[in-house]
Amino acid sequence: MRNYLSIDIGGTNLKYGVIDHSGNLLFKQKLPTPTKKDDFLATFKQIVSKYHRQIGGVAISVPGQVDSQKGIVYHGGSLPFLDQLNFQQLIQADFGELPVGVENDGKAGALAELWLGVLQSHPNSAAVILGTGVGGGIILNNQLLPGCHFQAGELSFMVNNYRLVGNDKLVGMSCSAVEMIEEIATKLNLPDKKDGIAVFEQLSQQESVAWKIFRGYCRRVAYLILNIQSVIDLTTYAIGGGISSQPLLVKTINEEYDKMLLELPLVKQTLTRPQIKKAKFENSANLYGALYGLLQKLDQNLAANRGGKL
């Protein structure tokens, strides 16, 4: 059985691991993401060099706009120095014709759930990834929807409050899990403004200020799902991101979705209510999803080569 190196490049941490063809994670490592391009490239090549003789390919999850066919990243999201970087050329220049797959981080989260998570057997579904912003991936007919400009599922850029000014209008701000945690921590004078565990401890104790902010947050996520649902009519949504490890999150999003339907009887009568589930994968999602994207690419290339020989 062939093994593959999967690398998840995040704004804070760079995770990597070796996963076999069936999706068994053999090991995983994590280190801080270098903040300068030269340091990043040196670290990246060092990781690939360590494993390239033992693997059948390299799968990469990265922020930004990604041309997954050519392996090129545009903009780079929280890592702007990745703009225009061609990972496929970068790897193959040093390590030969090693197969390379590159995918946007939100889309990788959706692919992980489609392959081995809660979106299996749901050919028309989506992942909503709650973190600093809101990432996502849309699955139609068992295939990831890339979009004409490789930007389908960029949920952060949806507008959900026309009364606000600037970026505050965007879903990436109003549905940011990080912003919600910091707001509650600040209101309650918690010592660490980024301590999600402490915030959910307050919620479990029914702290009223925390609950007001949290419920409002879950209502906004429910609105987001309803807006997506009205456009593409899916069966299932997987809620991912580190915050999804808290069962209270998906429970409350479902409660707010149902309340919203009671307030909008026309919507309730017309639109089929989708399932809203906790994603199976949390912090390792992008490792699995990037690999699944690579495996699909390899299968497509194999099928094309066979077709050419007929």
Protein backbone atom coordinates (compact mmCIF):
# COMPACT_ATOMS: atom_id res chain seq x y z
CA MET A 1 0.00 0.00 0.00
CA ARG A 2 1.41 3.36 -1.03
CA ASN A 3 2.07 6.18 1.45
CA TYR A 4 1.84 9.91 0.80
CA LEU A 5 3.21 13.03 2.45
CA SER A 6 0.45 15.53 3.27
CA ILE A 7 1.26 19.10 4.33
CA ASP A 8 -1.18 21.62 5.81
CA ILE A 9 0.21 25.16 5.58
CA GLY A 10 -1.58 27.45 8.02
CA GLY A 11 -1.03 31.04 9.01
CA THR A 12 0.24 29.98 12.44
CA ASN A 13 1.34 26.35 12.17
CA LEU A 14 2.62 24.05 9.46
CA LYS A 15 1.43 20.48 9.97
CA TYR A 16 2.55 17.46 8.04
CA GLY A 17 2.09 13.73 8.17
CA VAL A 18 2.31 10.50 6.22
CA ILE A 19 -1.02 8.93 5.27
CA ASP A 20 -1.60 5.70 3.40
CA HIS A 21 -3.88 5.20 0.40
CA SER A 22 -6.77 4.12 2.66
CA GLY A 23 -6.58 7.21 4.85
CA ASN A 24 -4.66 5.84 7.82
CA LEU A 25 -2.57 8.60 9.40
CA LEU A 26 0.77 7.00 10.21
CA PHE A 27 2.21 10.01 12.04
CA LYS A 28 1.81 13.78 12.30
CA GLN A 29 4.16 16.64 13.17
CA LYS A 30 3.64 20.36 13.73
CA LEU A 31 5.92 23.39 13.70
CA PRO A 32 5.46 27.18 13.51
CA THR A 33 4.93 28.44 9.97
CA PRO A 34 7.95 30.52 8.89
CA THR A 35 6.98 34.13 8.27
CA LYS A 36 9.52 34.90 5.52
CA LYS A 37 9.49 33.33 2.07
CA ASP A 38 13.11 32.13 2.07
CA ASP A 39 12.71 30.51 5.49
CA PHE A 40 9.44 28.95 4.42
CA LEU A 41 10.90 27.45 1.23
CA ALA A 42 13.89 26.05 3.12
CA THR A 43 11.64 24.42 5.73
CA PHE A 44 9.24 23.10 3.12
CA LYS A 45 11.98 21.52 1.01
CA GLN A 46 13.57 20.00 4.10
CA ILE A 47 10.30 18.23 4.96
CA VAL A 48 9.84 16.87 1.43
CA SER A 49 13.50 15.83 1.23
CA LYS A 50 13.15 13.73 4.37
CA TYR A 51 10.34 11.59 2.93
CA HIS A 52 10.43 11.82 -0.86
CA ARG A 53 11.99 8.36 -1.36
CA GLN A 54 9.29 6.70 0.77
CA ILE A 55 6.16 8.23 -0.73
CA GLY A 56 4.00 8.16 -3.85
CA GLY A 57 3.26 11.89 -3.88
CA VAL A 58 2.93 15.14 -1.95
CA ALA A 59 -0.45 16.68 -1.07
CA ILE A 60 -0.64 20.29 0.09
CA SER A 61 -3.37 22.36 1.73
CA VAL A 62 -2.78 26.10 1.64
CA PRO A 63 -4.71 29.36 2.15
CA GLY A 64 -5.52 31.49 -0.85
CA GLN A 65 -6.83 31.03 -4.36
CA VAL A 66 -5.47 27.74 -5.70
CA ASP A 67 -5.29 26.42 -9.25
CA SER A 68 -5.35 22.76 -8.24
CA GLN A 69 -4.67 21.56 -11.79
CA LYS A 70 -1.39 23.46 -12.11
CA GLY A 71 -0.45 23.58 -8.43
CA ILE A 72 -0.26 27.39 -8.28
CA VAL A 73 -1.28 29.54 -5.30
CA TYR A 74 -2.56 33.09 -5.78
CA HIS A 75 -2.75 35.72 -3.00
CA GLY A 76 -1.85 33.22 -0.26
CA GLY A 77 -4.43 34.44 2.25
CA SER A 78 -2.68 34.98 5.57
CA LEU A 79 0.66 34.15 3.92
CA PRO A 80 0.95 36.72 1.09
CA PHE A 81 4.50 35.66 0.22
CA LEU A 82 3.00 32.49 -1.30
CA ASP A 83 1.42 34.53 -4.11
CA GLN A 84 2.24 33.04 -7.54
CA LEU A 85 4.13 30.12 -5.99
CA ASN A 86 3.95 26.98 -8.12
CA PHE A 87 4.28 24.10 -5.65
CA GLN A 88 4.26 21.50 -8.40
CA GLN A 89 7.27 23.03 -10.14
CA LEU A 90 8.98 23.70 -6.81
CA ILE A 91 8.83 20.04 -5.78
CA GLN A 92 9.49 18.47 -9.15
CA ALA A 93 12.53 20.70 -9.77
CA ASP A 94 14.28 19.14 -6.76
CA PHE A 95 12.67 15.71 -6.46
CA GLY A 96 11.79 14.64 -10.00
CA GLU A 97 8.37 13.65 -11.30
CA LEU A 98 6.83 13.18 -7.88
CA PRO A 99 3.03 13.61 -8.10
CA VAL A 100 1.87 16.82 -6.42
CA GLY A 101 -1.60 17.97 -5.42
CA VAL A 102 -2.41 21.44 -4.07
CA GLU A 103 -5.77 22.51 -2.66
CA ASN A 104 -7.27 25.50 -0.88
CA ASP A 105 -7.59 24.87 2.87
CA GLY A 106 -11.37 25.27 3.05
CA LYS A 107 -11.89 22.98 0.09
CA ALA A 108 -9.50 20.46 1.64
CA GLY A 109 -11.73 20.40 4.72
CA ALA A 110 -14.72 19.53 2.53
CA LEU A 111 -12.78 16.81 0.70
CA ALA A 112 -11.79 15.20 4.01
CA GLU A 113 -15.42 14.93 5.04
CA LEU A 114 -16.44 13.63 1.60
CA TRP A 115 -13.76 10.94 1.68
CA LEU A 116 -13.88 9.64 5.23
CA GLY A 117 -16.15 11.93 7.24
CA VAL A 118 -19.78 12.90 7.68
CA LEU A 119 -20.30 13.85 4.02
CA GLN A 120 -19.77 10.30 2.79
CA SER A 121 -22.90 9.19 0.92
CA HIS A 122 -23.94 12.85 0.61
CA PRO A 123 -23.09 13.72 -3.00
CA ASN A 124 -24.54 17.24 -2.71
CA SER A 125 -23.25 18.83 0.47
CA ALA A 126 -20.87 21.41 1.89
CA ALA A 127 -18.36 22.06 4.64
CA VAL A 128 -18.39 25.31 6.60
CA ILE A 129 -15.07 25.83 8.37
CA LEU A 130 -15.19 28.27 11.29
CA GLY A 131 -11.89 29.80 12.33
CA THR A 132 -10.30 33.22 11.97
CA GLY A 133 -12.57 33.62 8.96
CA VAL A 134 -15.05 31.25 7.33
CA GLY A 135 -13.76 28.77 4.79
CA GLY A 136 -15.77 26.26 2.88
CA GLY A 137 -16.09 23.73 0.15
CA ILE A 138 -19.11 22.78 -1.94
CA ILE A 139 -19.68 19.23 -3.16
CA LEU A 140 -21.95 18.72 -6.18
CA ASN A 141 -22.51 15.24 -7.63
CA ASN A 142 -19.65 13.89 -5.49
CA GLN A 143 -17.20 16.41 -6.96
CA LEU A 144 -15.65 19.46 -5.37
CA LEU A 145 -16.88 22.66 -7.03
CA PRO A 146 -13.76 24.75 -7.80
CA GLY A 147 -15.46 27.69 -9.51
CA CYS A 148 -14.39 29.41 -12.72
CA HIS A 149 -11.69 31.33 -10.83
CA PHE A 150 -10.98 28.65 -8.20
CA GLN A 151 -12.96 30.67 -5.64
CA ALA A 152 -16.17 28.71 -5.03
CA GLY A 153 -16.84 28.32 -1.31
CA GLU A 154 -15.03 31.49 -0.21
CA LEU A 155 -17.74 32.14 2.34
CA SER A 156 -15.83 34.86 4.21
CA PHE A 157 -16.51 37.28 1.37
CA MET A 158 -20.29 37.03 1.51
CA VAL A 159 -22.01 40.18 2.77
CA ASN A 160 -24.48 39.68 5.61
CA ASN A 161 -25.00 43.10 7.18
CA TYR A 162 -25.42 46.03 4.81
CA ARG A 163 -25.66 48.54 7.66
CA LEU A 164 -22.07 48.07 8.76
CA VAL A 165 -18.99 49.66 7.20
CA GLY A 166 -15.98 48.07 5.54
CA ASN A 167 -14.99 44.50 6.31
CA ASP A 168 -17.45 44.34 9.21
CA LYS A 169 -20.13 43.68 6.57
CA LEU A 170 -18.52 40.37 5.69
CA VAL A 171 -19.28 36.86 6.93
CA GLY A 172 -15.59 36.41 7.63
CA MET A 173 -15.93 38.94 10.45
CA SER A 174 -19.43 38.28 11.77
CA CYS A 175 -18.97 34.49 11.76
CA SER A 176 -15.34 34.44 12.88
CA ALA A 177 -14.98 31.92 15.70
CA VAL A 178 -11.83 33.68 16.87
CA GLU A 179 -13.64 37.04 17.10
CA MET A 180 -16.52 35.45 19.02
CA ILE A 181 -14.16 33.84 21.55
CA GLU A 182 -12.26 37.10 22.02
CA GLU A 183 -15.47 39.10 22.47
CA ILE A 184 -16.75 36.78 25.21
CA ALA A 185 -13.35 36.61 26.92
CA THR A 186 -13.10 40.41 26.90
CA LYS A 187 -16.62 40.92 28.28
CA LEU A 188 -15.93 38.44 31.10
CA ASN A 189 -12.40 39.75 31.79
CA LEU A 190 -10.85 36.33 31.23
CA PRO A 191 -7.03 36.42 31.44
CA ASP A 192 -6.44 34.83 28.02
CA LYS A 193 -8.59 36.42 25.31
CA LYS A 194 -7.99 33.47 22.96
CA ASP A 195 -8.84 30.69 25.43
CA GLY A 196 -11.76 28.89 23.80
CA ILE A 197 -11.84 26.21 26.48
CA ALA A 198 -12.35 28.83 29.20
CA VAL A 199 -15.12 30.46 27.16
CA PHE A 200 -16.99 27.19 26.69
CA GLU A 201 -16.59 26.48 30.40
CA GLN A 202 -18.46 29.73 31.04
CA LEU A 203 -21.13 28.68 28.55
CA SER A 204 -21.51 25.32 30.29
CA GLN A 205 -22.15 27.25 33.51
CA GLN A 206 -24.93 29.22 31.76
CA GLU A 207 -23.12 32.55 32.04
CA SER A 208 -25.71 34.96 30.60
CA VAL A 209 -23.40 37.46 28.88
CA ALA A 210 -21.45 34.66 27.22
CA TRP A 211 -24.66 32.98 26.09
CA LYS A 212 -26.06 36.13 24.52
CA ILE A 213 -22.93 36.59 22.40
CA PHE A 214 -22.63 32.89 21.57
CA ARG A 215 -26.27 32.48 20.58
CA GLY A 216 -26.04 35.55 18.35
CA TYR A 217 -22.99 34.02 16.71
CA CYS A 218 -24.77 30.71 16.08
CA ARG A 219 -27.75 32.61 14.66
CA ARG A 220 -25.45 34.30 12.12
CA VAL A 221 -23.98 30.95 11.10
CA ALA A 222 -27.52 29.61 10.70
CA TYR A 223 -28.36 32.59 8.44
CA LEU A 224 -25.27 31.81 6.39
CA ILE A 225 -26.36 28.20 5.91
CA LEU A 226 -29.87 29.28 4.93
CA ASN A 227 -28.47 31.68 2.33
CA ILE A 228 -26.29 28.96 0.82
CA GLN A 229 -29.19 26.52 0.92
CA SER A 230 -31.47 28.87 -1.00
CA VAL A 231 -28.96 28.94 -3.86
CA ILE A 232 -27.68 25.38 -4.22
CA ASP A 233 -30.14 23.13 -2.33
CA LEU A 234 -27.85 20.70 -0.50
CA THR A 235 -28.66 17.80 1.82
CA THR A 236 -25.96 18.17 4.46
CA TYR A 237 -23.58 20.72 5.97
CA ALA A 238 -20.51 19.73 7.98
CA ILE A 239 -19.39 22.33 10.52
CA GLY A 240 -15.62 22.22 10.93
CA GLY A 241 -12.75 24.15 12.45
CA GLY A 242 -11.20 23.78 15.89
CA ILE A 243 -14.31 25.18 17.59
CA SER A 244 -16.40 22.32 16.18
CA SER A 245 -14.89 20.02 18.81
CA GLN A 246 -17.37 21.63 21.22
CA PRO A 247 -20.72 19.74 20.82
CA LEU A 248 -22.56 22.84 22.01
CA LEU A 249 -21.71 24.65 18.79
CA VAL A 250 -23.56 22.47 16.28
CA LYS A 251 -26.40 21.88 18.75
CA THR A 252 -26.97 25.63 19.07
CA ILE A 253 -26.62 26.29 15.34
CA ASN A 254 -29.37 23.72 14.75
CA GLU A 255 -31.54 25.35 17.41
CA GLU A 256 -31.10 28.77 15.83
CA TYR A 257 -31.83 27.40 12.36
CA ASP A 258 -35.11 25.95 13.59
CA LYS A 259 -36.05 29.20 15.36
CA MET A 260 -35.34 31.05 12.14
CA LEU A 261 -37.69 28.75 10.22
CA LEU A 262 -40.45 29.43 12.75
CA GLU A 263 -39.97 33.14 12.14
CA LEU A 264 -40.05 32.61 8.36
CA PRO A 265 -42.98 30.26 7.64
CA LEU A 266 -42.71 30.78 3.88
CA VAL A 267 -39.11 29.56 3.98
CA LYS A 268 -40.05 26.64 6.22
CA GLN A 269 -42.82 25.58 3.83
CA THR A 270 -40.69 25.99 0.71
CA LEU A 271 -37.07 25.08 1.39
CA THR A 272 -36.14 21.58 2.54
CA ARG A 273 -34.23 21.77 5.83
CA PRO A 274 -30.72 20.35 5.44
CA GLN A 275 -28.87 18.31 8.03
CA ILE A 276 -26.28 20.32 9.97
CA LYS A 277 -23.62 18.06 11.46
CA LYS A 278 -20.35 18.30 13.31
CA ALA A 279 -17.46 17.52 10.98
CA LYS A 280 -15.59 14.33 11.79
CA PHE A 281 -12.17 15.86 11.31
CA GLU A 282 -10.94 18.80 13.31
CA ASN A 283 -7.28 19.79 13.31
CA SER A 284 -6.20 17.05 10.87
CA ALA A 285 -8.93 17.67 8.28
CA ASN A 286 -6.73 19.42 5.74
CA LEU A 287 -4.13 16.65 5.77
CA TYR A 288 -6.77 14.12 4.75
CA GLY A 289 -8.55 16.42 2.32
CA ALA A 290 -5.41 17.47 0.48
CA LEU A 291 -4.51 13.81 0.01
CA TYR A 292 -7.96 12.93 -1.29
CA GLY A 293 -7.63 15.72 -3.84
CA LEU A 294 -4.29 14.27 -4.97
CA LEU A 295 -5.70 10.73 -5.18
CA GLN A 296 -8.59 11.99 -7.33
CA LYS A 297 -6.11 13.78 -9.59
CA LEU A 298 -4.03 10.61 -9.97
CA ASP A 299 -7.16 8.58 -10.79
CA GLN A 300 -8.20 11.15 -13.42
CA ASN A 301 -4.74 11.09 -15.00
CA LEU A 302 -4.77 7.29 -15.07
CA ALA A 303 -8.21 7.22 -16.70
CA ALA A 304 -7.12 9.80 -19.28
CA ASN A 305 -4.00 7.80 -20.13
CA ARG A 306 -6.02 4.62 -20.53
CA GLY A 307 -8.51 6.44 -22.73
CA GLY A 308 -5.71 7.69 -24.94
CA LYS A 309 -4.51 4.16 -25.55
CA LEU A 310 -7.90 2.89 -26.74
